[in-house]
Amino acid sequence: MKKGFFITFEGCDGCGKTTQSVIIVKKLKELGYDVVHSREPGGTVVAEAVRNILLNPKNKIFPVTELLLYEACRSQHTNELIIPSLCSDKIVVCERYTDATVAYQGFGRGLDRKTILSLNRIATSDIVPDITILFDSDLKKGLQRVDIRGKDRLENENIAFHRRVRAGYMWLAKKYSRRIKIVKTGSRSIEDIACEIYKIIAGRLKPSGKLGAK
């Protein structure tokens, strides 16, 4: 079924996912690729409505409720946008996907990982990213960045929660090392980070707008 190429960007809050995803989408379009840029939670009208519920800091949401809302949102997003785009031979660049649920709800909230992995498979119809860029950044600096724009419900969690999330991402990177590529941000410039990301992705794409892993 899948013909296109699926790229996801992951990492803790304030790591620079959005900035870097915008840069890579622009670069790929300039090279002649047909690119769809999306995000989770969200990406469609229905999924964006669920996003507003999930991230509103005024809402008190129980962990299992939170998990099921994320998976419902993902099912809508995957079936309405991601699968049709991939079937049309497009590149999909998505900010967060299934790995985020393992990290945030599995490690952060302490919910059962096997249950989450099973729900992820159901919600995605077994669609798995071709490559995942995982940003490893300083947690405190990242949270300081989101302070400037205003924190959502998950960003408001304490530092211990975010440390567990990071541990979850590192666990995933070890488990799926072929798919997940860690990009350390540190004090590096936006341009330097973007260059590394492009090299990683370019190594998996064929030239002249044609897709496929080498």
N, C-alpha and C. Protein backbone atom coordinates (compact mmCIF):
# COMPACT_ATOMS: atom_id res chain seq x y z
N MET A 1 0.83 -1.21 0.00
CA MET A 1 0.00 0.00 0.00
C MET A 1 0.86 1.26 0.00
N LYS A 2 1.84 1.32 0.91
CA LYS A 2 2.62 2.55 1.07
C LYS A 2 3.65 2.71 -0.04
N LYS A 3 3.64 3.86 -0.73
CA LYS A 3 4.60 4.12 -1.79
C LYS A 3 5.48 5.32 -1.50
N GLY A 4 4.97 6.26 -0.71
CA GLY A 4 5.71 7.48 -0.42
C GLY A 4 6.79 7.26 0.62
N PHE A 5 7.14 8.32 1.33
CA PHE A 5 8.20 8.26 2.34
C PHE A 5 7.74 9.04 3.56
N PHE A 6 7.85 8.41 4.73
CA PHE A 6 7.27 8.96 5.96
C PHE A 6 8.39 9.32 6.94
N ILE A 7 8.47 10.61 7.27
CA ILE A 7 9.49 11.14 8.18
C ILE A 7 8.80 11.71 9.42
N THR A 8 9.27 11.34 10.59
CA THR A 8 8.72 11.94 11.81
C THR A 8 9.82 12.63 12.60
N PHE A 9 9.42 13.69 13.29
CA PHE A 9 10.33 14.45 14.16
C PHE A 9 9.84 14.28 15.59
N GLU A 10 10.73 13.86 16.47
CA GLU A 10 10.37 13.60 17.86
C GLU A 10 11.34 14.29 18.81
N GLY A 11 10.92 14.40 20.06
CA GLY A 11 11.78 14.98 21.07
C GLY A 11 10.98 15.61 22.18
N CYS A 12 11.65 15.97 23.25
CA CYS A 12 10.98 16.61 24.39
C CYS A 12 10.55 18.02 24.03
N ASP A 13 9.71 18.60 24.86
CA ASP A 13 9.16 19.92 24.58
C ASP A 13 10.25 20.98 24.51
N GLY A 14 10.12 21.85 23.49
CA GLY A 14 11.06 22.94 23.32
C GLY A 14 12.37 22.54 22.66
N CYS A 15 12.40 21.36 22.01
CA CYS A 15 13.65 20.87 21.42
C CYS A 15 13.93 21.43 20.03
N GLY A 16 12.93 22.07 19.41
CA GLY A 16 13.15 22.66 18.08
C GLY A 16 12.55 21.88 16.93
N LYS A 17 11.63 20.96 17.21
CA LYS A 17 11.01 20.14 16.16
C LYS A 17 10.36 20.97 15.06
N THR A 18 9.55 21.93 15.46
CA THR A 18 8.81 22.72 14.48
C THR A 18 9.74 23.52 13.60
N THR A 19 10.71 24.19 14.21
CA THR A 19 11.67 24.98 13.44
C THR A 19 12.37 24.12 12.40
N GLN A 20 12.86 22.97 12.80
CA GLN A 20 13.61 22.11 11.89
C GLN A 20 12.72 21.43 10.86
N SER A 21 11.49 21.10 11.22
CA SER A 21 10.60 20.47 10.25
C SER A 21 10.23 21.45 9.14
N VAL A 22 10.04 22.72 9.49
CA VAL A 22 9.75 23.75 8.48
C VAL A 22 10.92 23.88 7.51
N ILE A 23 12.13 23.84 8.04
CA ILE A 23 13.33 23.97 7.20
C ILE A 23 13.45 22.79 6.24
N ILE A 24 13.26 21.56 6.73
CA ILE A 24 13.43 20.39 5.87
C ILE A 24 12.32 20.30 4.83
N VAL A 25 11.10 20.69 5.20
CA VAL A 25 10.00 20.69 4.24
C VAL A 25 10.30 21.65 3.10
N LYS A 26 10.76 22.83 3.43
CA LYS A 26 11.11 23.83 2.42
C LYS A 26 12.21 23.30 1.50
N LYS A 27 13.23 22.69 2.09
CA LYS A 27 14.35 22.15 1.32
C LYS A 27 13.90 21.05 0.36
N LEU A 28 13.09 20.13 0.84
CA LEU A 28 12.62 19.03 0.02
C LEU A 28 11.73 19.51 -1.13
N LYS A 29 10.91 20.50 -0.86
CA LYS A 29 10.07 21.07 -1.92
C LYS A 29 10.93 21.73 -2.99
N GLU A 30 11.98 22.42 -2.56
CA GLU A 30 12.88 23.07 -3.51
C GLU A 30 13.57 22.04 -4.41
N LEU A 31 13.75 20.83 -3.89
CA LEU A 31 14.39 19.76 -4.66
C LEU A 31 13.41 19.01 -5.55
N GLY A 32 12.14 19.40 -5.50
CA GLY A 32 11.15 18.81 -6.40
C GLY A 32 10.29 17.72 -5.81
N TYR A 33 10.40 17.48 -4.52
CA TYR A 33 9.56 16.48 -3.88
C TYR A 33 8.19 17.07 -3.54
N ASP A 34 7.18 16.22 -3.58
CA ASP A 34 5.82 16.60 -3.18
C ASP A 34 5.72 16.28 -1.68
N VAL A 35 5.62 17.31 -0.86
CA VAL A 35 5.73 17.14 0.59
C VAL A 35 4.47 17.59 1.32
N VAL A 36 4.04 16.79 2.27
CA VAL A 36 2.93 17.13 3.16
C VAL A 36 3.51 17.32 4.56
N HIS A 37 3.22 18.45 5.17
CA HIS A 37 3.73 18.76 6.52
C HIS A 37 2.56 18.69 7.50
N SER A 38 2.69 17.87 8.53
CA SER A 38 1.60 17.73 9.48
C SER A 38 2.14 17.63 10.91
N ARG A 39 1.24 17.39 11.85
CA ARG A 39 1.64 17.31 13.25
C ARG A 39 0.67 16.44 14.04
N GLU A 40 1.14 15.97 15.18
CA GLU A 40 0.27 15.27 16.13
C GLU A 40 0.46 15.85 17.52
N PRO A 41 -0.60 15.94 18.30
CA PRO A 41 -1.97 15.68 17.86
C PRO A 41 -2.43 16.75 16.88
N GLY A 42 -3.25 16.36 15.93
CA GLY A 42 -3.77 17.31 14.95
C GLY A 42 -3.61 16.81 13.54
N GLY A 43 -3.58 17.74 12.59
CA GLY A 43 -3.36 17.39 11.19
C GLY A 43 -4.60 17.36 10.34
N THR A 44 -5.77 17.18 10.95
CA THR A 44 -7.05 17.23 10.24
C THR A 44 -8.03 18.03 11.09
N VAL A 45 -9.18 18.36 10.53
CA VAL A 45 -10.16 19.16 11.28
C VAL A 45 -10.57 18.45 12.57
N VAL A 46 -10.91 17.18 12.47
CA VAL A 46 -11.33 16.42 13.65
C VAL A 46 -10.17 16.29 14.64
N ALA A 47 -8.99 15.94 14.14
CA ALA A 47 -7.83 15.74 15.02
C ALA A 47 -7.40 17.04 15.69
N GLU A 48 -7.53 18.16 15.01
CA GLU A 48 -7.18 19.45 15.62
C GLU A 48 -8.16 19.79 16.74
N ALA A 49 -9.42 19.39 16.58
CA ALA A 49 -10.41 19.62 17.64
C ALA A 49 -10.03 18.82 18.90
N VAL A 50 -9.57 17.58 18.68
CA VAL A 50 -9.13 16.75 19.81
C VAL A 50 -7.87 17.35 20.42
N ARG A 51 -6.97 17.88 19.58
CA ARG A 51 -5.75 18.52 20.07
C ARG A 51 -6.09 19.64 21.07
N ASN A 52 -7.08 20.44 20.73
CA ASN A 52 -7.46 21.55 21.61
C ASN A 52 -7.91 21.05 22.98
N ILE A 53 -8.57 19.91 23.01
CA ILE A 53 -8.98 19.32 24.28
C ILE A 53 -7.77 18.80 25.05
N LEU A 54 -6.91 18.09 24.35
CA LEU A 54 -5.75 17.45 24.98
C LEU A 54 -4.76 18.45 25.58
N LEU A 55 -4.53 19.55 24.88
CA LEU A 55 -3.46 20.46 25.29
C LEU A 55 -3.93 21.66 26.10
N ASN A 56 -5.23 21.83 26.24
CA ASN A 56 -5.75 22.95 27.02
C ASN A 56 -5.39 22.77 28.50
N PRO A 57 -4.58 23.68 29.07
CA PRO A 57 -4.15 23.52 30.47
C PRO A 57 -5.29 23.58 31.48
N LYS A 58 -6.46 24.03 31.06
CA LYS A 58 -7.61 24.09 31.96
C LYS A 58 -8.27 22.73 32.15
N ASN A 59 -7.98 21.79 31.25
CA ASN A 59 -8.63 20.48 31.29
C ASN A 59 -7.89 19.51 32.20
N LYS A 60 -8.63 18.85 33.08
CA LYS A 60 -8.07 17.77 33.88
C LYS A 60 -8.43 16.46 33.19
N ILE A 61 -7.42 15.78 32.65
CA ILE A 61 -7.66 14.56 31.88
C ILE A 61 -6.92 13.40 32.54
N PHE A 62 -7.63 12.33 32.80
CA PHE A 62 -7.01 11.16 33.41
C PHE A 62 -6.09 10.46 32.41
N PRO A 63 -5.02 9.81 32.88
CA PRO A 63 -4.03 9.22 31.98
C PRO A 63 -4.59 8.29 30.90
N VAL A 64 -5.50 7.39 31.27
CA VAL A 64 -6.05 6.47 30.27
C VAL A 64 -6.92 7.23 29.27
N THR A 65 -7.68 8.20 29.76
CA THR A 65 -8.48 9.04 28.86
C THR A 65 -7.56 9.76 27.88
N GLU A 66 -6.47 10.29 28.40
CA GLU A 66 -5.49 11.00 27.57
C GLU A 66 -4.95 10.07 26.48
N LEU A 67 -4.57 8.86 26.87
CA LEU A 67 -4.04 7.89 25.91
C LEU A 67 -5.04 7.61 24.80
N LEU A 68 -6.29 7.35 25.18
CA LEU A 68 -7.30 7.00 24.18
C LEU A 68 -7.63 8.18 23.26
N LEU A 69 -7.59 9.38 23.80
CA LEU A 69 -7.80 10.57 22.95
C LEU A 69 -6.67 10.72 21.93
N TYR A 70 -5.44 10.49 22.37
CA TYR A 70 -4.31 10.56 21.44
C TYR A 70 -4.46 9.51 20.34
N GLU A 71 -4.85 8.30 20.71
CA GLU A 71 -4.97 7.24 19.71
C GLU A 71 -6.14 7.49 18.75
N ALA A 72 -7.24 8.03 19.27
CA ALA A 72 -8.36 8.38 18.40
C ALA A 72 -7.96 9.46 17.41
N CYS A 73 -7.25 10.45 17.92
CA CYS A 73 -6.73 11.54 17.09
C CYS A 73 -5.80 10.98 16.01
N ARG A 74 -4.94 10.05 16.40
CA ARG A 74 -3.98 9.45 15.46
C ARG A 74 -4.68 8.63 14.39
N SER A 75 -5.69 7.89 14.76
CA SER A 75 -6.43 7.09 13.79
C SER A 75 -7.04 7.97 12.71
N GLN A 76 -7.67 9.06 13.14
CA GLN A 76 -8.27 10.00 12.19
C GLN A 76 -7.21 10.61 11.28
N HIS A 77 -6.13 11.06 11.87
CA HIS A 77 -5.03 11.70 11.14
C HIS A 77 -4.39 10.74 10.13
N THR A 78 -4.13 9.52 10.59
CA THR A 78 -3.47 8.54 9.72
C THR A 78 -4.34 8.16 8.53
N ASN A 79 -5.60 7.87 8.81
CA ASN A 79 -6.49 7.42 7.74
C ASN A 79 -6.93 8.53 6.80
N GLU A 80 -7.08 9.73 7.34
CA GLU A 80 -7.54 10.85 6.50
C GLU A 80 -6.43 11.53 5.73
N LEU A 81 -5.24 11.61 6.32
CA LEU A 81 -4.17 12.39 5.69
C LEU A 81 -2.92 11.57 5.34
N ILE A 82 -2.38 10.84 6.30
CA ILE A 82 -1.09 10.20 6.08
C ILE A 82 -1.15 9.09 5.04
N ILE A 83 -2.06 8.14 5.20
CA ILE A 83 -2.15 7.03 4.25
C ILE A 83 -2.44 7.51 2.83
N PRO A 84 -3.45 8.39 2.62
CA PRO A 84 -3.69 8.87 1.25
C PRO A 84 -2.48 9.59 0.65
N SER A 85 -1.75 10.34 1.47
CA SER A 85 -0.57 11.06 0.98
C SER A 85 0.53 10.09 0.57
N LEU A 86 0.77 9.08 1.38
CA LEU A 86 1.79 8.09 1.05
C LEU A 86 1.40 7.29 -0.19
N CYS A 87 0.13 6.97 -0.31
CA CYS A 87 -0.35 6.24 -1.49
C CYS A 87 -0.23 7.07 -2.76
N SER A 88 -0.17 8.40 -2.60
CA SER A 88 0.02 9.31 -3.74
C SER A 88 1.49 9.60 -3.98
N ASP A 89 2.38 8.82 -3.37
CA ASP A 89 3.83 8.92 -3.57
C ASP A 89 4.41 10.23 -3.04
N LYS A 90 3.82 10.74 -1.97
CA LYS A 90 4.31 11.98 -1.37
C LYS A 90 5.21 11.69 -0.18
N ILE A 91 6.02 12.69 0.17
CA ILE A 91 6.77 12.63 1.43
C ILE A 91 5.88 13.25 2.50
N VAL A 92 5.72 12.57 3.61
CA VAL A 92 5.00 13.12 4.76
C VAL A 92 6.01 13.43 5.86
N VAL A 93 6.02 14.68 6.30
CA VAL A 93 6.86 15.09 7.43
C VAL A 93 5.92 15.42 8.58
N CYS A 94 6.01 14.68 9.66
CA CYS A 94 5.07 14.84 10.77
C CYS A 94 5.80 15.12 12.08
N GLU A 95 5.38 16.17 12.77
CA GLU A 95 5.91 16.49 14.09
C GLU A 95 5.17 15.63 15.12
N ARG A 96 5.85 14.65 15.63
CA ARG A 96 5.37 13.65 16.58
C ARG A 96 4.49 12.60 15.89
N TYR A 97 4.61 11.37 16.42
CA TYR A 97 3.75 10.28 15.96
C TYR A 97 3.71 9.24 17.08
N THR A 98 3.77 7.98 16.76
CA THR A 98 3.56 6.93 17.77
C THR A 98 4.62 6.93 18.87
N ASP A 99 5.85 7.28 18.53
CA ASP A 99 6.91 7.27 19.55
C ASP A 99 6.59 8.22 20.70
N ALA A 100 5.94 9.33 20.38
CA ALA A 100 5.60 10.31 21.42
C ALA A 100 4.66 9.71 22.46
N THR A 101 3.75 8.85 22.02
CA THR A 101 2.80 8.25 22.95
C THR A 101 3.49 7.26 23.89
N VAL A 102 4.45 6.52 23.35
CA VAL A 102 5.23 5.62 24.21
C VAL A 102 6.02 6.44 25.24
N ALA A 103 6.64 7.52 24.78
CA ALA A 103 7.47 8.34 25.68
C ALA A 103 6.64 9.08 26.72
N TYR A 104 5.57 9.75 26.27
CA TYR A 104 4.79 10.60 27.17
C TYR A 104 3.80 9.81 28.02
N GLN A 105 3.00 8.96 27.38
CA GLN A 105 2.00 8.23 28.14
C GLN A 105 2.57 6.95 28.77
N GLY A 106 3.53 6.31 28.08
CA GLY A 106 4.14 5.11 28.63
C GLY A 106 5.13 5.41 29.74
N PHE A 107 6.15 6.19 29.42
CA PHE A 107 7.17 6.50 30.42
C PHE A 107 6.76 7.67 31.31
N GLY A 108 6.21 8.72 30.72
CA GLY A 108 5.82 9.89 31.50
C GLY A 108 4.69 9.60 32.47
N ARG A 109 3.62 8.97 31.98
CA ARG A 109 2.45 8.67 32.81
C ARG A 109 2.54 7.32 33.50
N GLY A 110 3.40 6.44 32.99
CA GLY A 110 3.53 5.13 33.61
C GLY A 110 2.51 4.11 33.15
N LEU A 111 1.87 4.34 32.00
CA LEU A 111 0.90 3.38 31.47
C LEU A 111 1.64 2.21 30.80
N ASP A 112 0.93 1.10 30.68
CA ASP A 112 1.53 -0.13 30.16
C ASP A 112 2.01 0.03 28.71
N ARG A 113 3.29 -0.24 28.48
CA ARG A 113 3.87 -0.02 27.15
C ARG A 113 3.32 -0.98 26.11
N LYS A 114 3.10 -2.23 26.51
CA LYS A 114 2.57 -3.20 25.55
C LYS A 114 1.18 -2.79 25.07
N THR A 115 0.38 -2.26 25.98
CA THR A 115 -0.95 -1.77 25.60
C THR A 115 -0.82 -0.62 24.62
N ILE A 116 0.10 0.30 24.90
CA ILE A 116 0.30 1.45 24.03
C ILE A 116 0.77 1.02 22.65
N LEU A 117 1.71 0.09 22.59
CA LEU A 117 2.20 -0.40 21.30
C LEU A 117 1.09 -1.06 20.50
N SER A 118 0.22 -1.80 21.18
CA SER A 118 -0.92 -2.44 20.50
C SER A 118 -1.90 -1.40 19.97
N LEU A 119 -2.20 -0.39 20.79
CA LEU A 119 -3.10 0.68 20.35
C LEU A 119 -2.49 1.47 19.20
N ASN A 120 -1.19 1.69 19.25
CA ASN A 120 -0.52 2.39 18.15
C ASN A 120 -0.70 1.64 16.84
N ARG A 121 -0.55 0.32 16.88
CA ARG A 121 -0.70 -0.48 15.66
C ARG A 121 -2.12 -0.39 15.12
N ILE A 122 -3.09 -0.43 16.02
CA ILE A 122 -4.50 -0.33 15.59
C ILE A 122 -4.78 1.04 14.98
N ALA A 123 -4.33 2.09 15.66
CA ALA A 123 -4.62 3.46 15.22
C ALA A 123 -3.95 3.80 13.90
N THR A 124 -2.81 3.19 13.62
CA THR A 124 -2.04 3.54 12.42
C THR A 124 -2.21 2.55 11.27
N SER A 125 -2.99 1.51 11.49
CA SER A 125 -3.09 0.43 10.49
C SER A 125 -1.70 -0.10 10.15
N ASP A 126 -0.85 -0.17 11.16
CA ASP A 126 0.53 -0.68 11.05
C ASP A 126 1.45 0.18 10.19
N ILE A 127 1.09 1.44 9.97
CA ILE A 127 1.99 2.37 9.28
C ILE A 127 3.12 2.76 10.23
N VAL A 128 4.36 2.61 9.78
CA VAL A 128 5.54 2.95 10.59
C VAL A 128 6.39 3.95 9.81
N PRO A 129 6.91 4.98 10.46
CA PRO A 129 7.78 5.94 9.76
C PRO A 129 8.98 5.25 9.12
N ASP A 130 9.41 5.77 7.99
CA ASP A 130 10.63 5.26 7.36
C ASP A 130 11.86 5.72 8.13
N ILE A 131 11.79 6.92 8.64
CA ILE A 131 12.90 7.45 9.44
C ILE A 131 12.35 8.44 10.47
N THR A 132 12.94 8.42 11.65
CA THR A 132 12.54 9.33 12.72
C THR A 132 13.76 10.11 13.20
N ILE A 133 13.62 11.43 13.20
CA ILE A 133 14.67 12.30 13.72
C ILE A 133 14.31 12.61 15.17
N LEU A 134 15.17 12.17 16.09
CA LEU A 134 14.92 12.39 17.52
C LEU A 134 15.89 13.43 18.05
N PHE A 135 15.34 14.57 18.48
CA PHE A 135 16.16 15.65 19.02
C PHE A 135 16.45 15.38 20.50
N ASP A 136 17.72 15.38 20.84
CA ASP A 136 18.12 15.23 22.24
C ASP A 136 18.66 16.58 22.71
N SER A 137 17.87 17.26 23.52
CA SER A 137 18.21 18.62 23.93
C SER A 137 18.19 18.76 25.45
N ASP A 138 18.70 19.88 25.93
CA ASP A 138 18.68 20.18 27.36
C ASP A 138 17.24 20.43 27.81
N LEU A 139 16.76 19.64 28.76
CA LEU A 139 15.36 19.73 29.18
C LEU A 139 15.01 21.11 29.74
N LYS A 140 15.85 21.62 30.62
CA LYS A 140 15.54 22.91 31.26
C LYS A 140 15.50 24.04 30.25
N LYS A 141 16.45 24.03 29.31
CA LYS A 141 16.46 25.08 28.28
C LYS A 141 15.24 24.97 27.38
N GLY A 142 14.84 23.74 27.08
CA GLY A 142 13.66 23.53 26.25
C GLY A 142 12.41 24.06 26.92
N LEU A 143 12.26 23.79 28.21
CA LEU A 143 11.09 24.27 28.93
C LEU A 143 11.11 25.79 29.10
N GLN A 144 12.30 26.36 29.16
CA GLN A 144 12.41 27.82 29.19
C GLN A 144 11.90 28.43 27.88
N ARG A 145 12.16 27.74 26.77
CA ARG A 145 11.69 28.21 25.47
C ARG A 145 10.17 28.19 25.40
N VAL A 146 9.56 27.12 25.90
CA VAL A 146 8.10 27.05 25.84
C VAL A 146 7.46 28.02 26.83
N ASP A 147 8.19 28.40 27.87
CA ASP A 147 7.69 29.42 28.80
C ASP A 147 7.40 30.72 28.07
N ILE A 148 8.23 31.03 27.10
CA ILE A 148 8.10 32.29 26.36
C ILE A 148 6.80 32.33 25.57
N ARG A 149 6.45 31.20 24.93
CA ARG A 149 5.25 31.17 24.09
C ARG A 149 3.99 30.81 24.88
N GLY A 150 4.18 30.27 26.10
CA GLY A 150 3.05 29.85 26.91
C GLY A 150 2.91 28.34 26.87
N LYS A 151 2.87 27.71 28.03
CA LYS A 151 2.87 26.25 28.12
C LYS A 151 1.49 25.65 27.90
N ASP A 152 1.46 24.48 27.22
CA ASP A 152 0.22 23.74 27.12
C ASP A 152 0.12 22.78 28.31
N ARG A 153 -0.88 21.92 28.33
CA ARG A 153 -1.14 21.07 29.50
C ARG A 153 0.03 20.13 29.81
N LEU A 154 0.62 19.52 28.80
CA LEU A 154 1.73 18.60 29.03
C LEU A 154 3.02 19.34 29.36
N GLU A 155 3.22 20.47 28.73
CA GLU A 155 4.43 21.26 29.01
C GLU A 155 4.44 21.77 30.44
N ASN A 156 3.25 21.84 31.06
CA ASN A 156 3.14 22.30 32.44
C ASN A 156 3.57 21.26 33.47
N GLU A 157 3.82 20.03 33.01
CA GLU A 157 4.24 18.98 33.94
C GLU A 157 5.61 19.31 34.53
N ASN A 158 5.91 18.71 35.68
CA ASN A 158 7.18 19.01 36.36
C ASN A 158 8.37 18.39 35.64
N ILE A 159 9.57 18.78 36.05
CA ILE A 159 10.80 18.35 35.38
C ILE A 159 10.98 16.84 35.48
N ALA A 160 10.51 16.22 36.57
CA ALA A 160 10.63 14.77 36.72
C ALA A 160 9.86 14.04 35.62
N PHE A 161 8.68 14.57 35.28
CA PHE A 161 7.89 13.99 34.19
C PHE A 161 8.67 14.06 32.89
N HIS A 162 9.24 15.21 32.60
CA HIS A 162 9.97 15.39 31.34
C HIS A 162 11.24 14.55 31.30
N ARG A 163 11.83 14.29 32.45
CA ARG A 163 13.00 13.39 32.49
C ARG A 163 12.58 11.96 32.14
N ARG A 164 11.42 11.56 32.62
CA ARG A 164 10.92 10.22 32.28
C ARG A 164 10.61 10.13 30.79
N VAL A 165 10.06 11.20 30.24
CA VAL A 165 9.78 11.24 28.80
C VAL A 165 11.08 11.07 28.01
N ARG A 166 12.11 11.81 28.41
CA ARG A 166 13.40 11.69 27.71
C ARG A 166 13.93 10.26 27.81
N ALA A 167 13.81 9.66 28.98
CA ALA A 167 14.25 8.27 29.16
C ALA A 167 13.49 7.35 28.21
N GLY A 168 12.21 7.64 28.02
CA GLY A 168 11.41 6.86 27.09
C GLY A 168 11.91 6.98 25.66
N TYR A 169 12.24 8.19 25.28
CA TYR A 169 12.77 8.39 23.93
C TYR A 169 14.10 7.66 23.74
N MET A 170 14.95 7.67 24.75
CA MET A 170 16.23 6.98 24.64
C MET A 170 16.02 5.46 24.55
N TRP A 171 15.04 4.98 25.27
CA TRP A 171 14.69 3.55 25.19
C TRP A 171 14.24 3.19 23.78
N LEU A 172 13.41 4.03 23.21
CA LEU A 172 12.93 3.81 21.84
C LEU A 172 14.08 3.85 20.83
N ALA A 173 14.99 4.81 21.02
CA ALA A 173 16.12 4.96 20.10
C ALA A 173 17.00 3.71 20.11
N LYS A 174 17.12 3.09 21.27
CA LYS A 174 17.91 1.86 21.37
C LYS A 174 17.17 0.69 20.76
N LYS A 175 15.87 0.63 20.99
CA LYS A 175 15.05 -0.49 20.50
C LYS A 175 14.88 -0.44 18.98
N TYR A 176 14.75 0.78 18.43
CA TYR A 176 14.53 0.94 16.99
C TYR A 176 15.66 1.76 16.37
N SER A 177 16.87 1.32 16.62
CA SER A 177 18.05 2.11 16.22
C SER A 177 18.19 2.29 14.71
N ARG A 178 17.66 1.38 13.94
CA ARG A 178 17.75 1.52 12.48
C ARG A 178 16.86 2.65 11.98
N ARG A 179 15.71 2.83 12.62
CA ARG A 179 14.76 3.86 12.19
C ARG A 179 15.01 5.21 12.86
N ILE A 180 15.32 5.20 14.13
CA ILE A 180 15.43 6.45 14.90
C ILE A 180 16.88 6.93 14.93
N LYS A 181 17.07 8.15 14.46
CA LYS A 181 18.40 8.76 14.43
C LYS A 181 18.42 9.94 15.40
N ILE A 182 19.31 9.89 16.38
CA ILE A 182 19.41 10.94 17.39
C ILE A 182 20.22 12.11 16.86
N VAL A 183 19.66 13.31 17.02
CA VAL A 183 20.37 14.55 16.68
C VAL A 183 20.52 15.36 17.96
N LYS A 184 21.74 15.51 18.42
CA LYS A 184 21.99 16.29 19.64
C LYS A 184 22.03 17.77 19.28
N THR A 185 21.28 18.57 20.02
CA THR A 185 21.19 20.00 19.70
C THR A 185 22.21 20.83 20.46
N GLY A 186 22.24 20.72 21.78
CA GLY A 186 23.21 21.47 22.58
C GLY A 186 23.17 22.95 22.26
N SER A 187 24.34 23.53 22.04
CA SER A 187 24.44 24.96 21.71
C SER A 187 24.64 25.19 20.22
N ARG A 188 24.34 24.18 19.42
CA ARG A 188 24.55 24.27 17.98
C ARG A 188 23.59 25.26 17.34
N SER A 189 23.98 25.79 16.20
CA SER A 189 23.12 26.73 15.48
C SER A 189 22.00 25.99 14.77
N ILE A 190 20.92 26.70 14.47
CA ILE A 190 19.80 26.12 13.73
C ILE A 190 20.28 25.58 12.39
N GLU A 191 21.16 26.33 11.74
CA GLU A 191 21.66 25.94 10.41
C GLU A 191 22.48 24.65 10.48
N ASP A 192 23.30 24.53 11.51
CA ASP A 192 24.14 23.34 11.66
C ASP A 192 23.29 22.09 11.89
N ILE A 193 22.28 22.23 12.73
CA ILE A 193 21.37 21.12 13.01
C ILE A 193 20.61 20.73 11.75
N ALA A 194 20.13 21.73 11.02
CA ALA A 194 19.38 21.48 9.79
C ALA A 194 20.22 20.74 8.77
N CYS A 195 21.49 21.08 8.69
CA CYS A 195 22.41 20.43 7.76
C CYS A 195 22.55 18.94 8.10
N GLU A 196 22.69 18.63 9.38
CA GLU A 196 22.80 17.23 9.79
C GLU A 196 21.53 16.45 9.46
N ILE A 197 20.39 17.07 9.73
CA ILE A 197 19.11 16.40 9.46
C ILE A 197 18.96 16.12 7.97
N TYR A 198 19.30 17.10 7.15
CA TYR A 198 19.17 16.91 5.70
C TYR A 198 20.06 15.77 5.22
N LYS A 199 21.26 15.68 5.73
CA LYS A 199 22.18 14.61 5.33
C LYS A 199 21.61 13.24 5.70
N ILE A 200 21.00 13.15 6.87
CA ILE A 200 20.40 11.88 7.29
C ILE A 200 19.28 11.48 6.35
N ILE A 201 18.39 12.43 6.05
CA ILE A 201 17.24 12.15 5.20
C ILE A 201 17.65 11.92 3.76
N ALA A 202 18.57 12.74 3.26
CA ALA A 202 19.01 12.62 1.86
C ALA A 202 19.62 11.25 1.59
N GLY A 203 20.22 10.66 2.61
CA GLY A 203 20.81 9.34 2.44
C GLY A 203 19.79 8.24 2.19
N ARG A 204 18.52 8.56 2.42
CA ARG A 204 17.45 7.58 2.23
C ARG A 204 16.56 7.89 1.04
N LEU A 205 16.83 8.99 0.35
CA LEU A 205 16.00 9.40 -0.78
C LEU A 205 16.77 9.31 -2.08
N LYS A 206 16.08 8.91 -3.13
CA LYS A 206 16.68 8.90 -4.46
C LYS A 206 16.53 10.28 -5.09
N PRO A 207 17.41 10.66 -6.00
CA PRO A 207 17.35 11.99 -6.62
C PRO A 207 16.17 12.18 -7.56
N SER A 208 16.01 13.43 -8.01
CA SER A 208 15.01 13.80 -9.02
C SER A 208 13.57 13.56 -8.58
N GLY A 209 13.34 13.72 -7.28
CA GLY A 209 11.97 13.61 -6.79
C GLY A 209 11.45 12.20 -6.67
N LYS A 210 12.30 11.20 -6.91
CA LYS A 210 11.88 9.81 -6.79
C LYS A 210 12.19 9.31 -5.39
N LEU A 211 11.26 8.54 -4.85
CA LEU A 211 11.39 8.10 -3.48
C LEU A 211 11.93 6.69 -3.37
N GLY A 212 12.43 6.38 -2.18
CA GLY A 212 12.83 5.01 -1.91
C GLY A 212 14.08 4.95 -1.08
N ALA A 213 14.15 3.97 -0.21
CA ALA A 213 15.34 3.81 0.62
C ALA A 213 16.46 3.20 -0.20
N LYS A 214 17.67 3.68 0.05
CA LYS A 214 18.83 3.13 -0.66
C LYS A 214 19.31 1.87 0.04
